[in-house]
Amino acid sequence: MSRIVYVNGDYLPESEAKVSVFDRGFLMADAVYEVTSVLGGKLVDFDGHTTRLRRSLSELDMPSPATDEDLLAIHRELVARNGIEDGMVYLQVTRGAPSERDFAYPDASVPPTLVLFTQAKPGLADSPLARTGMAVISIPDQRWARRDIKTVQLLYPSMGKMMAKAQGADDAWMIEDGVVTEGTSNNAYIVKGDTIVTRDLGPHILAGITRAAVLRFAAESQMKVEERPFTLDEALAADEAFITSATTFVMPVVRIDGRDLGAGRPGPVAIRLREIYIEESRRAAI
């Protein structure tokens, strides 16, 4: 069955979906995006993703192509049409397609482009990597300074992912001014003693939707959390570590730059937070 996608008001087979060669998302990476996970045919943290989408659009002075209610209906329609039980819905908004390429923004008569598609991921909540833990490497953070805006400018994170693969690792943690910012597509955490440490919010990292939920669950479980910068040396000396994202949920990290953390296997804090997050996400999904 051909996958059905959504482009500017139309549901189409993916082979028929087209956007203009003048679209600024294509030419300028002038676009923002969100990825919402699907568990049991329902959307996880949808309200959080739409709230962050609105902020990204506002920060870039980009018009919104649809209301939250319309976006929810489109998400649900795509999930139904494509028979998605476990997977994700990708949403992208661009500044649209003016008649000519220009660095200046087009005028208000140019409508934004809205594209959504699904990806089926059977067993999304039962990743083998959650049982073994992942390995990460450290790389310099060479991205732009507004990482709090979820743009499609993803070339350097893609390069980081390939650097990790070349070293037999699963991902890269980016380092700026001696401290860890985040992973290529995830927020980073370490655990030392009874304390979870993760970078504080600001323009240096993305305000992860899964991050917010996990920190809330940690507080409800009486776990101590510190939101502050932490160094690579602190990470290497940690008892355990993990990442969070919309598509990996909570994923243990067991190795950094070839050095095992603790016992070299997923730690109890990451394991417990993953269990809580998946359980609560299934319960609250819409």
C-alpha atoms as a PDB file:
ATOM      1  CA  MET A   1       0.000   0.000   0.000  1.00  0.00           C
ATOM      2  CA  SER A   2       1.377   3.409  -0.989  1.00  0.00           C
ATOM      3  CA  ARG A   3       1.947   5.729   1.929  1.00  0.00           C
ATOM      4  CA  ILE A   4      -0.430   8.688   2.077  1.00  0.00           C
ATOM      5  CA  VAL A   5       1.102  12.062   2.884  1.00  0.00           C
ATOM      6  CA  TYR A   6      -0.326  15.537   3.392  1.00  0.00           C
ATOM      7  CA  VAL A   7       0.740  18.561   1.334  1.00  0.00           C
ATOM      8  CA  ASN A   8      -0.995  21.922   1.599  1.00  0.00           C
ATOM      9  CA  GLY A   9      -4.528  20.669   2.111  1.00  0.00           C
ATOM     10  CA  ASP A  10      -4.334  17.466   0.076  1.00  0.00           C
ATOM     11  CA  TYR A  11      -3.900  13.820   1.080  1.00  0.00           C
ATOM     12  CA  LEU A  12      -1.814  12.191  -1.649  1.00  0.00           C
ATOM     13  CA  PRO A  13       0.131   9.013  -2.403  1.00  0.00           C
ATOM     14  CA  GLU A  14       3.755   9.842  -1.624  1.00  0.00           C
ATOM     15  CA  SER A  15       4.687   9.359  -5.294  1.00  0.00           C
ATOM     16  CA  GLU A  16       2.368  12.240  -6.222  1.00  0.00           C
ATOM     17  CA  ALA A  17       3.449  14.661  -3.491  1.00  0.00           C
ATOM     18  CA  LYS A  18       5.310  17.721  -4.758  1.00  0.00           C
ATOM     19  CA  VAL A  19       6.508  21.115  -3.539  1.00  0.00           C
ATOM     20  CA  SER A  20       7.902  23.976  -5.605  1.00  0.00           C
ATOM     21  CA  VAL A  21      11.603  24.157  -6.451  1.00  0.00           C
ATOM     22  CA  PHE A  22      11.368  27.735  -5.144  1.00  0.00           C
ATOM     23  CA  ASP A  23      10.157  26.642  -1.705  1.00  0.00           C
ATOM     24  CA  ARG A  24      12.318  28.329   0.929  1.00  0.00           C
ATOM     25  CA  GLY A  25      12.475  25.164   2.992  1.00  0.00           C
ATOM     26  CA  PHE A  26      14.254  23.535   0.051  1.00  0.00           C
ATOM     27  CA  LEU A  27      16.436  26.510  -0.888  1.00  0.00           C
ATOM     28  CA  MET A  28      17.176  28.154   2.465  1.00  0.00           C
ATOM     29  CA  ALA A  29      16.308  25.622   5.186  1.00  0.00           C
ATOM     30  CA  ASP A  30      13.744  28.297   6.097  1.00  0.00           C
ATOM     31  CA  ALA A  31      11.464  25.867   7.888  1.00  0.00           C
ATOM     32  CA  VAL A  32      10.590  24.361  11.249  1.00  0.00           C
ATOM     33  CA  TYR A  33       9.419  20.883  12.126  1.00  0.00           C
ATOM     34  CA  GLU A  34       8.033  18.601  14.820  1.00  0.00           C
ATOM     35  CA  VAL A  35       7.937  14.826  15.245  1.00  0.00           C
ATOM     36  CA  THR A  36       5.141  13.265  17.284  1.00  0.00           C
ATOM     37  CA  SER A  37       5.359   9.620  18.303  1.00  0.00           C
ATOM     38  CA  VAL A  38       2.461   7.211  17.915  1.00  0.00           C
ATOM     39  CA  LEU A  39       1.847   4.399  20.400  1.00  0.00           C
ATOM     40  CA  GLY A  40      -1.123   2.103  19.983  1.00  0.00           C
ATOM     41  CA  GLY A  41      -2.447   4.306  17.190  1.00  0.00           C
ATOM     42  CA  LYS A  42      -2.517   7.393  19.438  1.00  0.00           C
ATOM     43  CA  LEU A  43      -0.431  10.563  19.565  1.00  0.00           C
ATOM     44  CA  VAL A  44       2.081  11.104  22.370  1.00  0.00           C
ATOM     45  CA  ASP A  45       2.612  14.599  23.853  1.00  0.00           C
ATOM     46  CA  PHE A  46       0.715  16.233  20.983  1.00  0.00           C
ATOM     47  CA  ASP A  47      -0.083  19.428  22.889  1.00  0.00           C
ATOM     48  CA  GLY A  48       3.567  19.904  23.799  1.00  0.00           C
ATOM     49  CA  HIS A  49       4.644  19.580  20.188  1.00  0.00           C
ATOM     50  CA  THR A  50       2.074  22.073  18.911  1.00  0.00           C
ATOM     51  CA  THR A  51       3.026  24.545  21.643  1.00  0.00           C
ATOM     52  CA  ARG A  52       6.696  24.313  20.652  1.00  0.00           C
ATOM     53  CA  LEU A  53       5.755  24.603  16.973  1.00  0.00           C
ATOM     54  CA  ARG A  54       3.943  27.870  17.707  1.00  0.00           C
ATOM     55  CA  ARG A  55       7.012  29.198  19.495  1.00  0.00           C
ATOM     56  CA  SER A  56       9.342  28.239  16.637  1.00  0.00           C
ATOM     57  CA  LEU A  57       7.058  29.947  14.121  1.00  0.00           C
ATOM     58  CA  SER A  58       6.868  33.062  16.289  1.00  0.00           C
ATOM     59  CA  GLU A  59      10.644  33.254  16.782  1.00  0.00           C
ATOM     60  CA  LEU A  60      11.123  33.198  12.994  1.00  0.00           C
ATOM     61  CA  ASP A  61       8.179  35.504  12.226  1.00  0.00           C
ATOM     62  CA  MET A  62       6.692  32.727  10.106  1.00  0.00           C
ATOM     63  CA  PRO A  63       2.921  32.497   9.556  1.00  0.00           C
ATOM     64  CA  SER A  64       1.035  29.486  10.835  1.00  0.00           C
ATOM     65  CA  PRO A  65      -0.612  27.324   8.173  1.00  0.00           C
ATOM     66  CA  ALA A  66      -3.291  25.754  10.392  1.00  0.00           C
ATOM     67  CA  THR A  67      -4.933  25.804  13.804  1.00  0.00           C
ATOM     68  CA  ASP A  68      -4.022  23.295  16.497  1.00  0.00           C
ATOM     69  CA  GLU A  69      -7.401  21.623  15.940  1.00  0.00           C
ATOM     70  CA  ASP A  70      -6.705  21.286  12.211  1.00  0.00           C
ATOM     71  CA  LEU A  71      -3.241  19.859  12.883  1.00  0.00           C
ATOM     72  CA  LEU A  72      -4.676  17.289  15.284  1.00  0.00           C
ATOM     73  CA  ALA A  73      -7.234  16.225  12.680  1.00  0.00           C
ATOM     74  CA  ILE A  74      -4.529  15.892  10.009  1.00  0.00           C
ATOM     75  CA  HIS A  75      -2.303  13.843  12.314  1.00  0.00           C
ATOM     76  CA  ARG A  76      -5.151  11.492  13.151  1.00  0.00           C
ATOM     77  CA  GLU A  77      -6.217  11.158   9.530  1.00  0.00           C
ATOM     78  CA  LEU A  78      -2.696  10.229   8.426  1.00  0.00           C
ATOM     79  CA  VAL A  79      -2.341   7.709  11.257  1.00  0.00           C
ATOM     80  CA  ALA A  80      -5.653   6.119  10.235  1.00  0.00           C
ATOM     81  CA  ARG A  81      -5.037   6.133   6.472  1.00  0.00           C
ATOM     82  CA  ASN A  82      -1.591   4.583   6.866  1.00  0.00           C
ATOM     83  CA  GLY A  83      -2.577   2.094   9.560  1.00  0.00           C
ATOM     84  CA  ILE A  84       0.084   3.316  11.990  1.00  0.00           C
ATOM     85  CA  GLU A  85       0.040   1.411  15.269  1.00  0.00           C
ATOM     86  CA  ASP A  86       3.523   2.400  16.466  1.00  0.00           C
ATOM     87  CA  GLY A  87       5.582   5.031  14.699  1.00  0.00           C
ATOM     88  CA  MET A  88       5.704   8.759  14.212  1.00  0.00           C
ATOM     89  CA  VAL A  89       4.218  11.707  12.356  1.00  0.00           C
ATOM     90  CA  TYR A  90       6.625  14.251  10.863  1.00  0.00           C
ATOM     91  CA  LEU A  91       5.351  17.819  10.354  1.00  0.00           C
ATOM     92  CA  GLN A  92       7.182  20.589   8.511  1.00  0.00           C
ATOM     93  CA  VAL A  93       6.235  24.217   7.930  1.00  0.00           C
ATOM     94  CA  THR A  94       8.208  26.371   5.497  1.00  0.00           C
ATOM     95  CA  ARG A  95       7.951  30.053   4.654  1.00  0.00           C
ATOM     96  CA  GLY A  96       6.473  29.062   1.323  1.00  0.00           C
ATOM     97  CA  ALA A  97       7.409  29.348  -2.326  1.00  0.00           C
ATOM     98  CA  PRO A  98       7.836  32.875  -3.738  1.00  0.00           C
ATOM     99  CA  SER A  99       8.185  33.331  -7.485  1.00  0.00           C
ATOM    100  CA  GLU A 100      11.948  33.934  -7.278  1.00  0.00           C
ATOM    101  CA  ARG A 101      14.837  32.974  -4.989  1.00  0.00           C
ATOM    102  CA  ASP A 102      15.707  35.836  -2.633  1.00  0.00           C
ATOM    103  CA  PHE A 103      17.375  36.123   0.773  1.00  0.00           C
ATOM    104  CA  ALA A 104      14.691  38.561   1.935  1.00  0.00           C
ATOM    105  CA  TYR A 105      11.485  37.060   3.271  1.00  0.00           C
ATOM    106  CA  PRO A 106       8.575  37.029   0.812  1.00  0.00           C
ATOM    107  CA  ASP A 107       5.596  39.280   1.469  1.00  0.00           C
ATOM    108  CA  ALA A 108       2.517  38.113   3.324  1.00  0.00           C
ATOM    109  CA  SER A 109       0.749  37.058   0.123  1.00  0.00           C
ATOM    110  CA  VAL A 110       2.989  33.959  -0.074  1.00  0.00           C
ATOM    111  CA  PRO A 111       1.349  31.196   1.990  1.00  0.00           C
ATOM    112  CA  PRO A 112       3.432  28.840   4.132  1.00  0.00           C
ATOM    113  CA  THR A 113       3.945  25.262   3.010  1.00  0.00           C
ATOM    114  CA  LEU A 114       2.636  22.501   5.273  1.00  0.00           C
ATOM    115  CA  VAL A 115       3.807  18.907   4.834  1.00  0.00           C
ATOM    116  CA  LEU A 116       3.147  15.878   7.043  1.00  0.00           C
ATOM    117  CA  PHE A 117       3.985  12.201   6.642  1.00  0.00           C
ATOM    118  CA  THR A 118       4.055   9.081   8.789  1.00  0.00           C
ATOM    119  CA  GLN A 119       6.742   6.508   9.510  1.00  0.00           C
ATOM    120  CA  ALA A 120       5.767   3.071  10.769  1.00  0.00           C
ATOM    121  CA  LYS A 121       8.030   1.803  13.575  1.00  0.00           C
ATOM    122  CA  PRO A 122       6.690  -1.516  14.884  1.00  0.00           C
ATOM    123  CA  GLY A 123       7.877  -2.151  18.426  1.00  0.00           C
ATOM    124  CA  LEU A 124       8.841   1.495  18.918  1.00  0.00           C
ATOM    125  CA  ALA A 125       8.634   1.151  22.697  1.00  0.00           C
ATOM    126  CA  ASP A 126      10.617  -2.103  22.760  1.00  0.00           C
ATOM    127  CA  SER A 127      13.954  -1.113  21.239  1.00  0.00           C
ATOM    128  CA  PRO A 128      16.780  -3.651  21.761  1.00  0.00           C
ATOM    129  CA  LEU A 129      19.083  -0.676  22.389  1.00  0.00           C
ATOM    130  CA  ALA A 130      17.160   0.077  25.576  1.00  0.00           C
ATOM    131  CA  ARG A 131      18.327  -3.263  26.963  1.00  0.00           C
ATOM    132  CA  THR A 132      21.982  -2.988  25.935  1.00  0.00           C
ATOM    133  CA  GLY A 133      22.442   0.771  26.208  1.00  0.00           C
ATOM    134  CA  MET A 134      24.001   3.067  23.638  1.00  0.00           C
ATOM    135  CA  ALA A 135      27.506   4.363  23.019  1.00  0.00           C
ATOM    136  CA  VAL A 136      28.195   8.020  22.286  1.00  0.00           C
ATOM    137  CA  ILE A 137      31.234  10.028  21.244  1.00  0.00           C
ATOM    138  CA  SER A 138      31.993  13.678  21.990  1.00  0.00           C
ATOM    139  CA  ILE A 139      32.347  16.232  19.193  1.00  0.00           C
ATOM    140  CA  PRO A 140      32.614  20.041  19.064  1.00  0.00           C
ATOM    141  CA  ASP A 141      29.255  21.820  18.879  1.00  0.00           C
ATOM    142  CA  GLN A 142      29.464  23.818  15.653  1.00  0.00           C
ATOM    143  CA  ARG A 143      25.782  24.623  15.162  1.00  0.00           C
ATOM    144  CA  TRP A 144      24.216  28.081  15.035  1.00  0.00           C
ATOM    145  CA  ALA A 145      23.390  29.880  18.282  1.00  0.00           C
ATOM    146  CA  ARG A 146      19.570  29.472  18.250  1.00  0.00           C
ATOM    147  CA  ARG A 147      19.189  25.771  18.937  1.00  0.00           C
ATOM    148  CA  ASP A 148      16.024  26.505  20.902  1.00  0.00           C
ATOM    149  CA  ILE A 149      14.218  26.938  17.569  1.00  0.00           C
ATOM    150  CA  LYS A 150      13.432  23.572  15.990  1.00  0.00           C
ATOM    151  CA  THR A 151      14.530  24.317  12.429  1.00  0.00           C
ATOM    152  CA  VAL A 152      15.348  21.913   9.606  1.00  0.00           C
ATOM    153  CA  GLN A 153      18.985  23.081   9.628  1.00  0.00           C
ATOM    154  CA  LEU A 154      20.203  19.601  10.485  1.00  0.00           C
ATOM    155  CA  LEU A 155      23.386  19.187   8.456  1.00  0.00           C
ATOM    156  CA  TYR A 156      25.814  19.343  11.388  1.00  0.00           C
ATOM    157  CA  PRO A 157      23.770  16.943  13.553  1.00  0.00           C
ATOM    158  CA  SER A 158      23.740  14.594  10.553  1.00  0.00           C
ATOM    159  CA  MET A 159      27.515  14.933  10.279  1.00  0.00           C
ATOM    160  CA  GLY A 160      27.783  14.192  13.993  1.00  0.00           C
ATOM    161  CA  LYS A 161      25.704  11.058  13.601  1.00  0.00           C
ATOM    162  CA  MET A 162      28.020   9.893  10.807  1.00  0.00           C
ATOM    163  CA  MET A 163      31.107  10.646  12.938  1.00  0.00           C
ATOM    164  CA  ALA A 164      29.606   8.425  15.626  1.00  0.00           C
ATOM    165  CA  LYS A 165      28.854   5.629  13.169  1.00  0.00           C
ATOM    166  CA  ALA A 166      32.414   5.800  11.835  1.00  0.00           C
ATOM    167  CA  GLN A 167      33.650   5.096  15.386  1.00  0.00           C
ATOM    168  CA  GLY A 168      31.180   2.294  16.008  1.00  0.00           C
ATOM    169  CA  ALA A 169      28.996   4.429  18.283  1.00  0.00           C
ATOM    170  CA  ASP A 170      25.287   5.222  18.206  1.00  0.00           C
ATOM    171  CA  ASP A 171      25.286   8.990  18.614  1.00  0.00           C
ATOM    172  CA  ALA A 172      27.381  12.062  19.422  1.00  0.00           C
ATOM    173  CA  TRP A 173      27.198  14.450  22.368  1.00  0.00           C
ATOM    174  CA  MET A 174      28.161  17.970  21.373  1.00  0.00           C
ATOM    175  CA  ILE A 175      30.587  19.998  23.493  1.00  0.00           C
ATOM    176  CA  GLU A 176      30.708  23.799  23.694  1.00  0.00           C
ATOM    177  CA  ASP A 177      33.006  25.772  26.004  1.00  0.00           C
ATOM    178  CA  GLY A 178      33.896  22.548  27.778  1.00  0.00           C
ATOM    179  CA  VAL A 179      30.335  21.505  28.601  1.00  0.00           C
ATOM    180  CA  VAL A 180      27.850  19.108  27.028  1.00  0.00           C
ATOM    181  CA  THR A 181      24.988  20.775  25.164  1.00  0.00           C
ATOM    182  CA  GLU A 182      22.945  17.877  23.739  1.00  0.00           C
ATOM    183  CA  GLY A 183      23.000  14.903  21.386  1.00  0.00           C
ATOM    184  CA  THR A 184      22.448  15.100  17.654  1.00  0.00           C
ATOM    185  CA  SER A 185      18.679  14.816  18.105  1.00  0.00           C
ATOM    186  CA  ASN A 186      18.154  14.419  21.829  1.00  0.00           C
ATOM    187  CA  ASN A 187      18.704  15.905  25.279  1.00  0.00           C
ATOM    188  CA  ALA A 188      21.569  14.538  27.393  1.00  0.00           C
ATOM    189  CA  TYR A 189      21.640  13.548  31.078  1.00  0.00           C
ATOM    190  CA  ILE A 190      24.081  12.110  33.590  1.00  0.00           C
ATOM    191  CA  VAL A 191      23.428  10.541  36.983  1.00  0.00           C
ATOM    192  CA  LYS A 192      25.862  10.874  39.883  1.00  0.00           C
ATOM    193  CA  GLY A 193      24.846   9.370  43.185  1.00  0.00           C
ATOM    194  CA  ASP A 194      21.194  10.236  43.677  1.00  0.00           C
ATOM    195  CA  THR A 195      21.202  13.258  41.344  1.00  0.00           C
ATOM    196  CA  ILE A 196      20.144  13.580  37.705  1.00  0.00           C
ATOM    197  CA  VAL A 197      21.940  16.409  35.887  1.00  0.00           C
ATOM    198  CA  THR A 198      20.871  17.902  32.559  1.00  0.00           C
ATOM    199  CA  ARG A 199      21.650  21.150  30.770  1.00  0.00           C
ATOM    200  CA  ASP A 200      19.449  24.093  31.706  1.00  0.00           C
ATOM    201  CA  LEU A 201      17.170  25.583  29.062  1.00  0.00           C
ATOM    202  CA  GLY A 202      18.277  28.474  26.875  1.00  0.00           C
ATOM    203  CA  PRO A 203      19.289  29.185  23.277  1.00  0.00           C
ATOM    204  CA  HIS A 204      22.052  26.551  23.519  1.00  0.00           C
ATOM    205  CA  ILE A 205      19.651  23.546  23.526  1.00  0.00           C
ATOM    206  CA  LEU A 206      16.220  22.538  22.319  1.00  0.00           C
ATOM    207  CA  ALA A 207      13.510  22.456  24.966  1.00  0.00           C
ATOM    208  CA  GLY A 208      12.667  18.793  24.483  1.00  0.00           C
ATOM    209  CA  ILE A 209       9.034  17.797  24.924  1.00  0.00           C
ATOM    210  CA  THR A 210      10.113  14.400  26.232  1.00  0.00           C
ATOM    211  CA  ARG A 211      12.646  16.193  28.464  1.00  0.00           C
ATOM    212  CA  ALA A 212       9.870  18.176  30.138  1.00  0.00           C
ATOM    213  CA  ALA A 213       7.788  15.061  30.754  1.00  0.00           C
ATOM    214  CA  VAL A 214      10.717  13.030  32.090  1.00  0.00           C
ATOM    215  CA  LEU A 215      11.800  15.775  34.493  1.00  0.00           C
ATOM    216  CA  ARG A 216       8.234  15.984  35.760  1.00  0.00           C
ATOM    217  CA  PHE A 217       8.087  12.216  36.278  1.00  0.00           C
ATOM    218  CA  ALA A 218      11.471  12.307  38.028  1.00  0.00           C
ATOM    219  CA  ALA A 219      10.227  14.963  40.447  1.00  0.00           C
ATOM    220  CA  GLU A 220       7.031  13.008  41.107  1.00  0.00           C
ATOM    221  CA  SER A 221       9.189   9.954  41.868  1.00  0.00           C
ATOM    222  CA  GLN A 222      11.233  11.948  44.420  1.00  0.00           C
ATOM    223  CA  MET A 223      14.352  11.895  42.235  1.00  0.00           C
ATOM    224  CA  LYS A 224      16.733  14.828  42.657  1.00  0.00           C
ATOM    225  CA  VAL A 225      17.309  16.865  39.475  1.00  0.00           C
ATOM    226  CA  GLU A 226      19.821  19.631  38.745  1.00  0.00           C
ATOM    227  CA  GLU A 227      19.395  21.688  35.569  1.00  0.00           C
ATOM    228  CA  ARG A 228      22.872  23.094  34.924  1.00  0.00           C
ATOM    229  CA  PRO A 229      25.839  22.769  32.584  1.00  0.00           C
ATOM    230  CA  PHE A 230      27.969  19.663  33.061  1.00  0.00           C
ATOM    231  CA  THR A 231      31.395  18.924  31.627  1.00  0.00           C
ATOM    232  CA  LEU A 232      32.583  15.986  29.580  1.00  0.00           C
ATOM    233  CA  ASP A 233      34.777  14.972  32.523  1.00  0.00           C
ATOM    234  CA  GLU A 234      31.686  14.895  34.751  1.00  0.00           C
ATOM    235  CA  ALA A 235      29.950  12.718  32.194  1.00  0.00           C
ATOM    236  CA  LEU A 236      32.877  10.297  32.037  1.00  0.00           C
ATOM    237  CA  ALA A 237      32.833  10.028  35.837  1.00  0.00           C
ATOM    238  CA  ALA A 238      29.054   9.558  36.062  1.00  0.00           C
ATOM    239  CA  ASP A 239      27.386   6.450  37.461  1.00  0.00           C
ATOM    240  CA  GLU A 240      25.036   6.333  34.489  1.00  0.00           C
ATOM    241  CA  ALA A 241      23.720   8.476  31.657  1.00  0.00           C
ATOM    242  CA  PHE A 242      20.818   8.610  29.250  1.00  0.00           C
ATOM    243  CA  ILE A 243      19.154  10.618  26.508  1.00  0.00           C
ATOM    244  CA  THR A 244      15.553  11.591  25.836  1.00  0.00           C
ATOM    245  CA  SER A 245      13.719  12.360  22.614  1.00  0.00           C
ATOM    246  CA  ALA A 246      10.275  11.930  21.094  1.00  0.00           C
ATOM    247  CA  THR A 247      11.363   8.862  19.130  1.00  0.00           C
ATOM    248  CA  THR A 248      13.685   7.119  21.613  1.00  0.00           C
ATOM    249  CA  PHE A 249      11.798   8.081  24.808  1.00  0.00           C
ATOM    250  CA  VAL A 250      14.423   7.433  27.528  1.00  0.00           C
ATOM    251  CA  MET A 251      17.503   5.602  26.227  1.00  0.00           C
ATOM    252  CA  PRO A 252      20.388   4.536  28.500  1.00  0.00           C
ATOM    253  CA  VAL A 253      23.951   5.550  27.594  1.00  0.00           C
ATOM    254  CA  VAL A 254      26.581   3.046  28.743  1.00  0.00           C
ATOM    255  CA  ARG A 255      29.733   4.273  26.967  1.00  0.00           C
ATOM    256  CA  ILE A 256      31.235   7.688  26.192  1.00  0.00           C
ATOM    257  CA  ASP A 257      34.304   8.014  23.968  1.00  0.00           C
ATOM    258  CA  GLY A 258      34.988   4.306  24.385  1.00  0.00           C
ATOM    259  CA  ARG A 259      34.865   4.380  28.206  1.00  0.00           C
ATOM    260  CA  ASP A 260      32.231   2.430  30.112  1.00  0.00           C
ATOM    261  CA  LEU A 261      30.041   4.261  32.582  1.00  0.00           C
ATOM    262  CA  GLY A 262      29.568   2.488  35.895  1.00  0.00           C
ATOM    263  CA  ALA A 263      29.084  -1.213  35.234  1.00  0.00           C
ATOM    264  CA  GLY A 264      28.813  -0.650  31.482  1.00  0.00           C
ATOM    265  CA  ARG A 265      25.119  -1.516  31.346  1.00  0.00           C
ATOM    266  CA  PRO A 266      21.855   0.473  31.621  1.00  0.00           C
ATOM    267  CA  GLY A 267      21.498   2.042  35.053  1.00  0.00           C
ATOM    268  CA  PRO A 268      18.486   1.880  37.372  1.00  0.00           C
ATOM    269  CA  VAL A 269      17.496   5.539  36.985  1.00  0.00           C
ATOM    270  CA  ALA A 270      17.319   5.370  33.186  1.00  0.00           C
ATOM    271  CA  ILE A 271      15.514   2.032  33.291  1.00  0.00           C
ATOM    272  CA  ARG A 272      12.902   3.310  35.739  1.00  0.00           C
ATOM    273  CA  LEU A 273      12.316   6.609  33.945  1.00  0.00           C
ATOM    274  CA  ARG A 274      11.886   4.772  30.648  1.00  0.00           C
ATOM    275  CA  GLU A 275       9.282   2.488  32.222  1.00  0.00           C
ATOM    276  CA  ILE A 276       7.403   5.438  33.709  1.00  0.00           C
ATOM    277  CA  TYR A 277       7.537   7.495  30.521  1.00  0.00           C
ATOM    278  CA  ILE A 278       6.223   4.716  28.288  1.00  0.00           C
ATOM    279  CA  GLU A 279       3.499   3.766  30.760  1.00  0.00           C
ATOM    280  CA  GLU A 280       2.334   7.361  31.210  1.00  0.00           C
ATOM    281  CA  SER A 281       2.582   8.099  27.480  1.00  0.00           C
ATOM    282  CA  ARG A 282       0.347   5.167  26.613  1.00  0.00           C
ATOM    283  CA  ARG A 283      -2.140   6.310  29.244  1.00  0.00           C
ATOM    284  CA  ALA A 284      -2.233   9.963  28.158  1.00  0.00           C
ATOM    285  CA  ALA A 285      -1.922   9.558  24.358  1.00  0.00           C
ATOM    286  CA  ILE A 286      -4.785  11.003  22.325  1.00  0.00           C
END
